[in-house]
Protein backbone atom coordinates (compact mmCIF):
# COMPACT_ATOMS: atom_id res chain seq x y z
CA UNK A 1 73.06 118.15 76.14
CA UNK A 2 72.96 117.55 79.76
CA UNK A 3 75.90 115.92 81.76
CA UNK A 4 75.44 112.22 82.63
CA UNK A 5 75.43 111.89 86.49
CA UNK A 6 78.74 110.88 88.02
CA UNK A 7 78.75 107.05 88.88
CA UNK A 8 80.95 105.06 91.32
CA UNK A 9 82.57 101.96 90.18
CA UNK A 10 83.98 98.91 91.97
CA UNK A 11 86.99 97.12 90.40
CA UNK A 12 85.30 93.73 91.12
CA UNK A 13 81.52 92.48 91.39
CA UNK A 14 80.10 94.39 94.21
CA UNK A 15 77.21 92.88 96.50
CA UNK A 16 73.68 93.25 95.54
CA UNK A 17 70.76 92.62 97.79
CA UNK A 18 67.50 93.34 95.84
CA UNK A 19 64.44 94.91 97.50
CA UNK A 20 62.39 94.29 100.66
CA UNK A 21 59.66 92.51 98.36
CA UNK A 22 62.43 90.71 96.02
CA UNK A 23 65.43 90.14 98.06
CA UNK A 24 68.28 88.41 96.44
CA UNK A 25 69.89 85.10 97.52
CA UNK A 26 72.77 84.95 99.81
CA UNK A 27 75.02 84.10 96.74
CA UNK A 28 74.43 87.65 95.33
CA UNK A 29 76.85 89.12 98.17
CA UNK A 30 78.87 85.99 99.12
CA UNK A 31 79.92 85.93 95.41
CA UNK A 32 81.60 89.22 95.95
CA UNK A 33 85.18 89.45 96.98
CA UNK A 34 84.17 92.40 99.36
CA UNK A 35 82.00 90.14 101.47
CA UNK A 36 85.07 88.04 102.29
CA UNK A 37 87.21 90.94 103.19
CA UNK A 38 84.57 91.57 105.94
CA UNK A 39 84.26 87.98 106.84
CA UNK A 40 87.94 87.56 107.49
CA UNK A 41 88.11 90.73 109.45
CA UNK A 42 85.49 89.22 111.80
CA UNK A 43 87.89 86.55 112.65
CA UNK A 44 90.76 88.89 113.57
CA UNK A 45 90.75 88.52 117.38
CA UNK A 46 92.73 91.93 117.86
CA UNK A 47 90.10 93.75 115.63
CA UNK A 48 87.22 92.24 117.55
CA UNK A 49 88.96 93.38 120.82
CA UNK A 50 89.17 96.82 119.27
CA UNK A 51 85.41 96.73 118.45
CA UNK A 52 84.64 95.48 122.10
CA UNK A 53 86.48 98.58 123.39
CA UNK A 54 84.47 100.90 121.19
CA UNK A 55 87.34 101.41 118.56
CA UNK A 56 90.19 102.03 121.04
CA UNK A 57 93.60 100.45 120.79
CA UNK A 58 96.32 99.87 118.20
CA UNK A 59 93.66 99.05 115.61
CA UNK A 60 91.77 102.47 116.18
CA UNK A 61 92.73 103.81 112.85
CA UNK A 62 91.45 100.72 110.83
CA UNK A 63 88.31 100.82 113.06
CA UNK A 64 87.62 104.35 111.70
CA UNK A 65 87.14 102.94 108.36
CA UNK A 66 85.71 99.48 108.95
CA UNK A 67 83.76 100.18 112.10
CA UNK A 68 82.02 97.43 114.31
CA UNK A 69 81.92 94.05 112.40
CA UNK A 70 80.68 92.06 115.31
CA UNK A 71 77.17 92.03 114.00
CA UNK A 72 76.58 89.21 111.36
CA UNK A 73 74.40 91.58 109.25
CA UNK A 74 76.70 92.14 106.13
CA UNK A 75 74.14 94.17 104.39
CA UNK A 76 73.84 96.70 107.18
CA UNK A 77 77.53 97.01 107.53
CA UNK A 78 77.98 97.47 103.72
CA UNK A 79 75.44 99.98 103.58
CA UNK A 80 76.05 101.93 106.50
CA UNK A 81 77.05 105.69 106.06
CA UNK A 82 78.38 105.13 102.59
CA UNK A 83 81.06 102.78 103.80
CA UNK A 84 81.15 100.56 100.70
CA UNK A 85 81.72 103.55 98.40
CA UNK A 86 84.25 105.11 100.82
CA UNK A 87 86.39 101.88 101.17
CA UNK A 88 86.17 100.19 97.97
CA UNK A 89 84.96 102.23 95.08
CA UNK A 90 87.07 104.05 92.61
CA UNK A 91 87.46 107.76 93.12
CA UNK A 92 84.46 109.82 91.55
CA UNK A 93 85.18 111.10 88.05
CA UNK A 94 83.95 114.64 87.16
CA UNK A 95 81.71 113.14 84.44
CA UNK A 96 81.39 109.65 83.02
CA UNK A 97 80.34 111.09 79.58
CA UNK A 98 79.92 114.71 78.71
CA UNK A 99 79.81 117.25 75.97
CA UNK A 100 82.49 119.69 75.81
CA UNK A 101 81.54 123.39 75.83
CA UNK A 102 82.43 126.03 73.23
CA UNK A 103 86.21 126.92 73.52
CA UNK A 104 86.90 124.40 76.26
CA UNK A 105 90.14 122.64 75.88
CA UNK A 106 90.15 118.83 75.52
CA UNK A 107 91.23 117.12 78.81
CA UNK A 108 95.10 116.20 78.69
CA UNK A 109 94.63 112.66 80.49
CA UNK A 110 95.85 109.42 79.25
CA UNK A 111 92.64 107.68 80.42
CA UNK A 112 90.22 110.03 78.54
CA UNK A 113 89.35 109.78 74.97
CA UNK A 114 88.17 112.99 73.08
CA UNK A 115 86.22 112.57 69.97
CA UNK A 116 84.65 114.76 67.22
CA UNK A 117 81.41 113.65 65.58
CA UNK A 118 79.97 115.39 62.54
CA UNK A 119 76.15 115.31 63.28
CA UNK A 120 75.24 115.46 59.66
CA UNK A 121 76.33 111.87 59.16
CA UNK A 122 74.00 108.75 59.78
CA UNK A 123 73.60 107.92 63.28
CA UNK A 124 74.13 104.12 62.51
CA UNK A 125 77.44 105.08 60.85
CA UNK A 126 78.56 107.35 63.83
CA UNK A 127 77.62 104.49 66.30
CA UNK A 128 79.85 101.91 64.30
CA UNK A 129 82.67 104.35 64.27
CA UNK A 130 82.43 105.00 67.96
CA UNK A 131 82.39 101.24 68.74
CA UNK A 132 85.51 100.65 66.59
CA UNK A 133 87.43 103.54 68.15
CA UNK A 134 86.51 102.52 71.69
CA UNK A 135 87.50 98.82 70.92
CA UNK A 136 90.91 100.05 69.63
CA UNK A 137 91.62 102.62 72.51
CA UNK A 138 90.01 100.79 75.54
CA UNK A 139 92.17 97.75 76.19
CA UNK A 140 91.01 97.05 79.77
CA UNK A 141 88.86 94.09 80.72
CA UNK A 142 86.59 94.34 83.75
CA UNK A 143 88.12 92.88 86.84
CA UNK A 144 91.64 92.33 85.37
CA UNK A 145 93.13 95.25 83.64
CA UNK A 146 90.69 97.72 85.37
CA UNK A 147 91.47 96.18 88.79
CA UNK A 148 95.22 96.57 88.34
CA UNK A 149 94.86 100.30 88.06
CA UNK A 150 92.39 100.64 90.88
CA UNK A 151 92.57 103.79 93.01
CA UNK A 152 90.23 102.56 95.52
CA UNK A 153 91.17 103.28 99.19
CA UNK A 154 91.33 99.60 100.06
CA UNK A 155 92.14 97.42 96.92
CA UNK A 156 92.99 93.76 96.23
CA UNK A 157 96.44 92.67 95.40
CA UNK A 158 96.31 90.34 92.33
CA UNK A 159 93.26 88.68 91.11
CA UNK A 160 91.12 87.46 94.06
CA UNK A 161 89.90 83.87 94.03
CA UNK A 162 86.32 83.95 95.56
CA UNK A 163 85.79 80.05 95.70
CA UNK A 164 89.12 79.69 97.28
CA UNK A 165 88.46 82.28 100.04
CA UNK A 166 85.18 80.74 100.61
CA UNK A 167 86.68 77.17 100.96
CA UNK A 168 89.46 78.45 103.19
CA UNK A 169 86.83 80.05 105.50
CA UNK A 170 84.85 76.88 105.69
CA UNK A 171 88.00 74.81 106.53
CA UNK A 172 88.98 77.35 109.11
CA UNK A 173 85.66 77.36 110.82
CA UNK A 174 85.44 73.61 111.01
CA UNK A 175 88.85 73.34 112.52
CA UNK A 176 87.71 76.04 115.12
CA UNK A 177 84.45 74.30 115.94
CA UNK A 178 85.96 70.73 116.01
CA UNK A 179 89.67 71.36 117.19
CA UNK A 180 90.25 67.68 117.88
CA UNK A 181 89.68 66.62 114.27
CA UNK A 182 92.58 65.59 112.22
CA UNK A 183 93.36 67.53 109.16
CA UNK A 184 92.56 64.66 106.80
CA UNK A 185 89.27 64.17 108.66
CA UNK A 186 88.26 67.70 107.91
CA UNK A 187 89.27 67.19 104.20
CA UNK A 188 87.46 63.97 104.00
CA UNK A 189 84.34 65.59 105.33
CA UNK A 190 84.48 68.96 103.53
CA UNK A 191 82.91 69.18 100.25
CA UNK A 192 85.24 70.90 97.70
CA UNK A 193 88.36 69.47 99.03
CA UNK A 194 90.05 67.08 96.47
CA UNK A 195 87.04 64.62 95.73
CA UNK A 196 89.27 62.12 94.22
CA UNK A 197 91.02 61.76 97.57
CA UNK A 198 88.05 60.95 99.62
CA UNK A 199 88.24 57.61 101.40
CA UNK A 200 86.18 54.72 100.33
CA UNK A 201 85.45 51.41 102.15
CA UNK A 202 87.07 49.55 99.50
CA UNK A 203 90.45 51.27 99.79
CA UNK A 204 93.36 49.09 101.05
CA UNK A 205 95.40 50.34 103.90
CA UNK A 206 98.16 51.77 101.67
CA UNK A 207 95.70 53.85 99.60
CA UNK A 208 93.99 55.11 102.75
CA UNK A 209 97.27 56.32 104.09
CA UNK A 210 98.23 58.01 100.77
CA UNK A 211 94.75 59.71 100.56
CA UNK A 212 95.04 60.91 104.28
CA UNK A 213 98.33 62.52 103.50
CA UNK A 214 96.91 64.33 100.41
CA UNK A 215 93.84 65.52 102.28
CA UNK A 216 95.99 66.74 105.24
CA UNK A 217 98.17 68.68 103.06
CA UNK A 218 95.44 70.39 101.21
CA UNK A 219 93.54 71.29 104.49
CA UNK A 220 96.79 72.56 105.95
CA UNK A 221 97.21 74.75 102.82
CA UNK A 222 93.74 76.17 103.16
CA UNK A 223 94.21 76.89 106.91
CA UNK A 224 97.33 78.87 106.15
CA UNK A 225 95.41 80.68 103.63
CA UNK A 226 92.74 81.46 106.08
CA UNK A 227 95.14 82.60 108.75
CA UNK A 228 97.02 84.87 106.42
CA UNK A 229 94.02 86.43 105.14
CA UNK A 230 92.71 87.05 108.92
CA UNK A 231 96.29 88.67 109.68
CA UNK A 232 96.16 90.74 106.31
CA UNK A 233 92.88 92.30 106.75
CA UNK A 234 93.92 93.17 110.23
CA UNK A 235 96.62 95.31 108.61
CA UNK A 236 94.32 96.98 105.93
CA UNK A 237 95.33 94.66 103.37
CA UNK A 238 93.28 92.34 101.06
CA UNK A 239 92.60 88.74 102.22
């Protein structure tokens, strides 16, 4: 039995792009938390200054890993020189699944399950037994338990909320593009920000004021989230 080639895994859904003939939609990479790490890093003024200086300055060590992010081609950045694997993938295992050789000792590792299957039993029976053993011993859930034990070079703290990251970025960009807009106006215009608090022509003055306060408070929270994320990725931490 030949060894199964080693594979590299990501704790969370990684971006996929399809092929030249059948490219995938933007949602296939913007739905990945790794896209937003890159996106927030592009908003960090100090890091952009480092990129403009060719990787020199206080952020030079981070630049060695993340490189120049000024180009808006995420696919090129993700794919360049094995960057995705190097930054975010789990360390390569010696083998994913393999057969022990005669006389070889079973690995003494807590995350490895060693089994013995008598080959004179029916294949269907063995498959059922294997599935049962795997179910009992493998307690992790993809993106939850697995992520908690991640050994990637750069990893997320907690369980990232992709929709919240996306909305925080949209709010941040609108405030940047329209600095004179009031926070409640941004919230009133921005889809996804508490729909029930959008102003209506039929609202009385008191209701309008209450809605404006709620919208401004929510937008302020998203702005803080975006600004914190921008600062965190500049320190090599997750957004």
